[in-house]
Protein backbone atom coordinates (compact mmCIF):
# COMPACT_ATOMS: atom_id res chain seq x y z
CA UNK A 1 18.41 17.69 0.75
CA UNK A 2 13.80 17.89 0.40
CA UNK A 3 12.19 14.88 1.59
CA UNK A 4 11.11 12.92 -0.58
CA UNK A 5 7.04 12.01 -0.21
CA UNK A 6 4.78 9.53 -1.75
CA UNK A 7 1.06 10.33 -1.93
CA UNK A 8 -1.27 7.41 -2.60
CA UNK A 9 -5.21 8.28 -3.38
CA UNK A 10 -5.19 11.09 -5.34
CA UNK A 11 -8.61 11.87 -4.84
CA UNK A 12 -9.77 15.54 -3.08
CA UNK A 13 -8.15 15.44 -0.24
CA UNK A 14 -5.03 13.17 -1.36
CA UNK A 15 -4.37 15.88 -4.15
CA UNK A 16 -4.65 19.04 -1.68
CA UNK A 17 -2.32 17.98 0.80
CA UNK A 18 0.15 16.69 -2.08
CA UNK A 19 -0.01 20.34 -3.42
CA UNK A 20 0.33 21.82 0.29
CA UNK A 21 3.42 19.42 1.01
CA UNK A 22 5.10 20.67 -2.10
CA UNK A 23 4.23 24.09 -1.46
CA UNK A 24 6.58 23.61 1.94
CA UNK A 25 9.08 22.43 -0.03
CA UNK A 26 8.51 18.87 0.04
CA UNK A 27 9.26 16.44 -2.93
CA UNK A 28 5.92 14.70 -3.52
CA UNK A 29 5.11 12.21 -6.34
CA UNK A 30 1.56 11.04 -6.22
CA UNK A 31 -0.39 8.02 -7.25
CA UNK A 32 -4.14 6.62 -7.76
CA UNK A 33 -5.34 3.46 -8.99
CA UNK A 34 -7.48 5.10 -11.18
CA UNK A 35 -5.55 5.45 -14.54
CA UNK A 36 -8.07 8.12 -15.58
CA UNK A 37 -7.58 10.24 -12.27
CA UNK A 38 -3.65 9.66 -12.85
CA UNK A 39 -3.72 11.50 -16.54
CA UNK A 40 -6.29 14.04 -15.61
CA UNK A 41 -3.55 15.01 -12.91
CA UNK A 42 -0.95 15.18 -15.27
CA UNK A 43 -2.46 17.16 -17.40
CA UNK A 44 -2.67 19.86 -14.64
CA UNK A 45 1.05 19.32 -14.56
CA UNK A 46 0.69 17.51 -11.07
CA UNK A 47 3.69 14.75 -10.08
CA UNK A 48 2.10 11.48 -10.58
CA UNK A 49 3.44 7.91 -11.11
CA UNK A 50 2.25 5.40 -13.28
CA UNK A 51 3.06 2.22 -10.96
CA UNK A 52 3.21 1.67 -6.88
CA UNK A 53 6.63 0.57 -7.52
CA UNK A 54 7.81 3.92 -9.58
CA UNK A 55 5.94 5.83 -7.07
CA UNK A 56 7.76 4.22 -4.21
CA UNK A 57 11.30 4.43 -4.97
CA UNK A 58 13.50 6.06 -3.45
CA UNK A 59 10.55 7.71 -1.11
CA UNK A 60 11.09 6.75 2.45
CA UNK A 61 7.77 8.62 3.73
CA UNK A 62 4.24 7.56 1.96
CA UNK A 63 0.69 9.18 2.74
CA UNK A 64 -2.29 6.68 2.54
CA UNK A 65 -5.71 8.80 1.56
CA UNK A 66 -7.58 6.42 0.52
CA UNK A 67 -12.05 6.19 0.79
CA UNK A 68 -13.29 3.05 2.36
CA UNK A 69 -11.30 0.17 4.43
CA UNK A 70 -12.00 -2.05 1.25
CA UNK A 71 -9.71 0.74 -0.91
CA UNK A 72 -7.66 0.67 2.10
CA UNK A 73 -7.13 -3.43 2.53
CA UNK A 74 -5.97 -3.41 -1.96
CA UNK A 75 -3.64 -0.71 -1.61
CA UNK A 76 -1.76 -1.77 1.24
CA UNK A 77 -2.77 -6.13 1.37
CA UNK A 78 -3.12 -7.13 -2.15
CA UNK A 79 -0.14 -8.76 -4.31
CA UNK A 80 2.32 -5.30 -5.38
CA UNK A 81 0.91 -3.44 -2.58
CA UNK A 82 2.43 -1.10 -0.02
CA UNK A 83 3.66 -3.63 2.44
CA UNK A 84 4.77 -6.27 -0.59
CA UNK A 85 7.12 -3.41 -1.85
CA UNK A 86 7.69 -0.47 0.30
CA UNK A 87 11.13 -0.84 1.72
CA UNK A 88 12.12 -2.07 5.10
CA UNK A 89 12.11 1.73 7.37
CA UNK A 90 9.65 3.24 5.29
CA UNK A 91 7.34 5.11 7.04
CA UNK A 92 3.51 5.25 6.10
CA UNK A 93 0.67 7.44 7.13
CA UNK A 94 -2.60 6.31 7.31
CA UNK A 95 -5.02 9.40 6.70
CA UNK A 96 -8.13 7.79 6.03
CA UNK A 97 -11.46 7.25 7.68
CA UNK A 98 -12.14 3.60 8.34
CA UNK A 99 -12.44 1.28 11.09
CA UNK A 100 -10.08 0.41 13.82
CA UNK A 101 -9.99 -3.40 13.00
CA UNK A 102 -9.30 -2.69 9.19
CA UNK A 103 -6.37 -0.09 10.66
CA UNK A 104 -4.68 -2.50 12.91
CA UNK A 105 -4.71 -5.16 10.39
CA UNK A 106 -2.98 -2.73 7.61
CA UNK A 107 -0.68 -1.52 10.44
CA UNK A 108 0.29 -5.32 11.71
CA UNK A 109 0.71 -7.04 8.01
CA UNK A 110 3.70 -3.72 7.76
CA UNK A 111 5.21 -3.69 11.04
CA UNK A 112 6.20 -7.39 10.12
CA UNK A 113 7.84 -6.29 7.18
CA UNK A 114 9.89 -3.63 8.86
CA UNK A 115 7.35 -0.70 7.96
CA UNK A 116 6.58 1.97 10.48
CA UNK A 117 2.71 3.41 10.47
CA UNK A 118 0.72 5.81 11.95
CA UNK A 119 -2.45 6.13 12.31
CA UNK A 120 -3.32 10.02 11.80
CA UNK A 121 -7.13 10.46 10.57
CA UNK A 122 -7.72 13.96 9.59
CA UNK A 123 -10.78 16.77 10.60
CA UNK A 124 -11.56 18.79 7.92
CA UNK A 125 -11.99 19.78 4.19
CA UNK A 126 -10.75 19.97 1.16
CA UNK A 127 -10.16 24.24 1.92
CA UNK A 128 -8.64 23.26 5.29
CA UNK A 129 -5.60 20.30 3.37
CA UNK A 130 -5.17 22.93 0.96
CA UNK A 131 -4.26 25.33 3.42
CA UNK A 132 -2.32 23.36 6.27
CA UNK A 133 -5.50 23.88 8.42
CA UNK A 134 -6.36 20.26 9.46
CA UNK A 135 -6.97 18.49 12.74
CA UNK A 136 -5.01 15.73 13.06
CA UNK A 137 -5.76 13.00 15.35
CA UNK A 138 -2.59 10.68 16.05
CA UNK A 139 -2.13 7.07 17.00
CA UNK A 140 1.14 5.53 17.10
CA UNK A 141 4.60 4.96 18.29
CA UNK A 142 5.79 8.46 19.93
CA UNK A 143 9.21 8.06 17.88
CA UNK A 144 7.49 7.90 14.84
CA UNK A 145 5.02 11.14 15.35
CA UNK A 146 8.07 12.36 16.19
CA UNK A 147 9.72 11.63 12.56
CA UNK A 148 6.56 12.21 10.79
CA UNK A 149 6.47 15.70 12.80
CA UNK A 150 7.45 17.68 9.74
CA UNK A 151 5.01 16.41 7.83
CA UNK A 152 1.87 16.87 10.46
CA UNK A 153 2.79 20.36 10.70
CA UNK A 154 2.43 21.29 7.65
CA UNK A 155 -1.20 19.86 7.34
CA UNK A 156 -1.79 20.60 10.22
CA UNK A 157 -1.55 23.64 13.00
CA UNK A 158 -2.74 20.95 15.75
CA UNK A 159 -2.27 17.20 16.63
CA UNK A 160 -3.65 14.98 19.37
CA UNK A 161 -1.62 11.62 20.11
CA UNK A 162 -4.96 9.13 21.27
CA UNK A 163 -2.78 5.94 21.70
CA UNK A 164 -1.70 3.60 20.24
CA UNK A 165 -2.64 2.04 16.28
CA UNK A 166 -6.73 2.05 16.10
CA UNK A 167 -7.24 4.45 19.04
CA UNK A 168 -7.09 7.52 16.17
CA UNK A 169 -9.37 5.61 13.93
CA UNK A 170 -11.58 5.17 17.03
CA UNK A 171 -11.64 9.07 17.82
CA UNK A 172 -12.31 9.84 14.41
CA UNK A 173 -15.71 7.91 13.80
CA UNK A 174 -16.61 9.67 17.10
CA UNK A 175 -15.89 12.54 15.90
CA UNK A 176 -17.86 11.73 12.50
CA UNK A 177 -20.63 10.63 14.45
CA UNK A 178 -21.38 13.53 16.40
CA UNK A 179 -20.70 16.23 13.20
CA UNK A 180 -23.23 14.07 10.85
CA UNK A 181 -25.68 14.61 13.74
CA UNK A 182 -24.79 18.32 14.33
CA UNK A 183 -25.77 18.62 10.33
CA UNK A 184 -29.10 17.09 10.21
CA UNK A 185 -30.61 18.61 13.19
CA UNK A 186 -29.78 21.84 11.64
CA UNK A 187 -31.07 20.99 8.61
CA UNK A 188 -34.24 19.56 10.23
CA UNK A 189 -34.79 22.65 12.36
CA UNK A 190 -33.67 24.97 9.83
CA UNK A 191 -36.12 23.57 7.34
CA UNK A 192 -38.91 23.81 10.30
CA UNK A 193 -38.36 27.40 11.04
CA UNK A 194 -38.18 28.57 7.15
CA UNK A 195 -42.09 27.22 7.44
CA UNK A 196 -42.98 28.72 9.48
CA UNK A 197 -42.29 31.64 7.72
CA UNK A 198 -39.48 33.18 8.81
CA UNK A 199 -36.43 34.64 6.24
CA UNK A 200 -33.24 32.50 5.61
CA UNK A 201 -31.12 35.38 6.23
CA UNK A 202 -32.65 36.01 9.64
CA UNK A 203 -33.10 32.65 10.50
CA UNK A 204 -29.36 32.16 9.89
CA UNK A 205 -28.52 35.25 11.60
CA UNK A 206 -29.99 34.77 14.67
CA UNK A 207 -29.38 31.08 15.00
CA UNK A 208 -25.48 31.75 14.24
CA UNK A 209 -25.19 34.01 17.73
CA UNK A 210 -27.47 31.34 19.00
CA UNK A 211 -26.91 28.32 21.81
CA UNK A 212 -27.80 25.60 19.24
CA UNK A 213 -25.25 27.21 16.78
CA UNK A 214 -22.36 24.44 15.83
CA UNK A 215 -18.92 24.55 14.11
CA UNK A 216 -21.22 22.43 10.57
CA UNK A 217 -23.61 25.12 10.89
CA UNK A 218 -21.68 28.30 10.74
CA UNK A 219 -19.25 26.71 7.82
CA UNK A 220 -22.19 25.17 5.80
CA UNK A 221 -25.04 26.96 6.06
CA UNK A 222 -23.67 30.22 4.30
CA UNK A 223 -23.75 27.98 1.35
CA UNK A 224 -26.40 26.47 1.79
CA UNK A 225 -28.56 29.46 1.39
CA UNK A 226 -26.85 30.17 -1.75
CA UNK A 227 -27.83 27.03 -2.77
CA UNK A 228 -24.64 25.97 -3.30
CA UNK A 229 -24.71 22.81 -2.39
CA UNK A 230 -20.62 21.93 -4.34
CA UNK A 231 -19.17 18.94 -1.70
CA UNK A 232 -16.99 20.13 0.87
CA UNK A 233 -17.87 16.63 1.79
CA UNK A 234 -19.89 14.68 0.16
CA UNK A 235 -23.28 13.13 1.41
CA UNK A 236 -21.91 9.44 0.48
CA UNK A 237 -19.08 9.88 2.15
CA UNK A 238 -20.49 11.22 5.58
CA UNK A 239 -23.27 7.45 5.25
CA UNK A 240 -20.75 5.00 4.67
CA UNK A 241 -18.39 6.76 8.00
CA UNK A 242 -21.61 6.49 9.87
CA UNK A 243 -22.23 3.03 8.30
CA UNK A 244 -18.59 2.41 9.70
CA UNK A 245 -19.54 3.85 13.36
CA UNK A 246 -22.54 1.87 13.72
CA UNK A 247 -20.46 -1.51 12.54
CA UNK A 248 -17.71 -0.38 15.59
CA UNK A 249 -20.56 -0.16 18.13
CA UNK A 250 -22.24 -3.59 17.59
CA UNK A 251 -18.87 -5.43 18.19
CA UNK A 252 -18.21 -3.62 20.92
CA UNK A 253 -22.20 -3.81 22.04
CA UNK A 254 -22.18 -0.51 22.74
CA UNK A 255 -25.72 0.89 20.96
CA UNK A 256 -25.96 3.41 18.51
CA UNK A 257 -29.34 4.57 18.06
CA UNK A 258 -29.44 8.02 17.06
CA UNK A 259 -26.32 7.68 14.55
CA UNK A 260 -28.52 4.70 12.54
CA UNK A 261 -31.31 7.41 12.31
CA UNK A 262 -29.02 10.19 10.99
CA UNK A 263 -27.75 7.13 8.94
CA UNK A 264 -30.84 6.06 7.39
CA UNK A 265 -31.67 9.45 6.80
CA UNK A 266 -29.00 9.67 4.71
CA UNK A 267 -29.46 6.96 2.72
CA UNK A 268 -33.18 8.56 2.33
CA UNK A 269 -31.09 11.55 1.03
CA UNK A 270 -28.86 9.72 -1.11
CA UNK A 271 -31.73 7.46 -2.65
CA UNK A 272 -33.54 10.82 -3.91
CA UNK A 273 -31.00 13.06 -5.77
CA UNK A 274 -28.49 14.24 -3.77
CA UNK A 275 -25.37 12.13 -4.07
CA UNK A 276 -22.17 13.90 -5.04
CA UNK A 277 -23.76 16.47 -3.05
CA UNK A 278 -22.49 18.35 0.14
CA UNK A 279 -24.12 16.84 3.35
CA UNK A 280 -25.72 20.33 3.96
CA UNK A 281 -28.30 19.06 1.45
CA UNK A 282 -30.03 17.51 3.66
CA UNK A 283 -31.54 20.86 4.15
CA UNK A 284 -32.50 20.68 0.71
CA UNK A 285 -34.28 16.97 2.02
CA UNK A 286 -35.83 18.22 4.70
CA UNK A 287 -36.96 21.17 2.88
CA UNK A 288 -38.93 19.00 0.56
CA UNK A 289 -41.05 17.07 3.35
CA UNK A 290 -43.18 20.69 2.79
CA UNK A 291 -42.78 21.16 -0.61
CA UNK A 292 -41.05 24.15 0.26
CA UNK A 293 -37.59 23.60 -1.48
């Protein structure tokens, strides 16, 4: 019999993970708080429930992929939410990028109701989620990880156990600090090379083989050179993640001055027309400083 899974949060990532799990033979039912999104998915023949209760019925494993801590707290802790309605013994795998304190708060509330929880943020974008190529960062009990292995193996080719609940969210924030910093510096540097008169294609060809390259440079810049800024990872999500990291650092009395600068520049990009675009649209902002958009 197919394992029955519910996916809460059917945005770009959640819907793609639901599609991947369905392809891998799981019986998957989605749920999204937004009625318009549920209608859109239903019209695309995606299985979605109309209520939290219907989504959870008879589904011992639940995935949550939510945009921010406020949405996670609402989905988990509000009256009629996951903690209220999930059956004891349910395993909930929390895939969002949240602060560790929020993760520990919702996990503690779930545990008090006999619900098992894994802290499992992911690294990768919509294409990786559709192909089962995510990198999974997992915090929680080893027994719960073993129970989740068939799902984890379907979503990603590798995962790392970071320790107890909350540690995986901490690692994800650190990862995104590094990733967004890499993107921003690459955009700033690339715009300087262009301003100096180097052809963009030549500049990319050389830099993609040189010491300054990064994963995000070689992944995102080929599209940027075609002026394709359709989002793989939206600018506003990057800015949100950096704000979470800065607050996390402040709570631990750990300064994050470089991350604060990156976050301010991303906020500037959002304020100047780049909302809804991929983070590599920072290149457009830097080009604009010299008038060479």
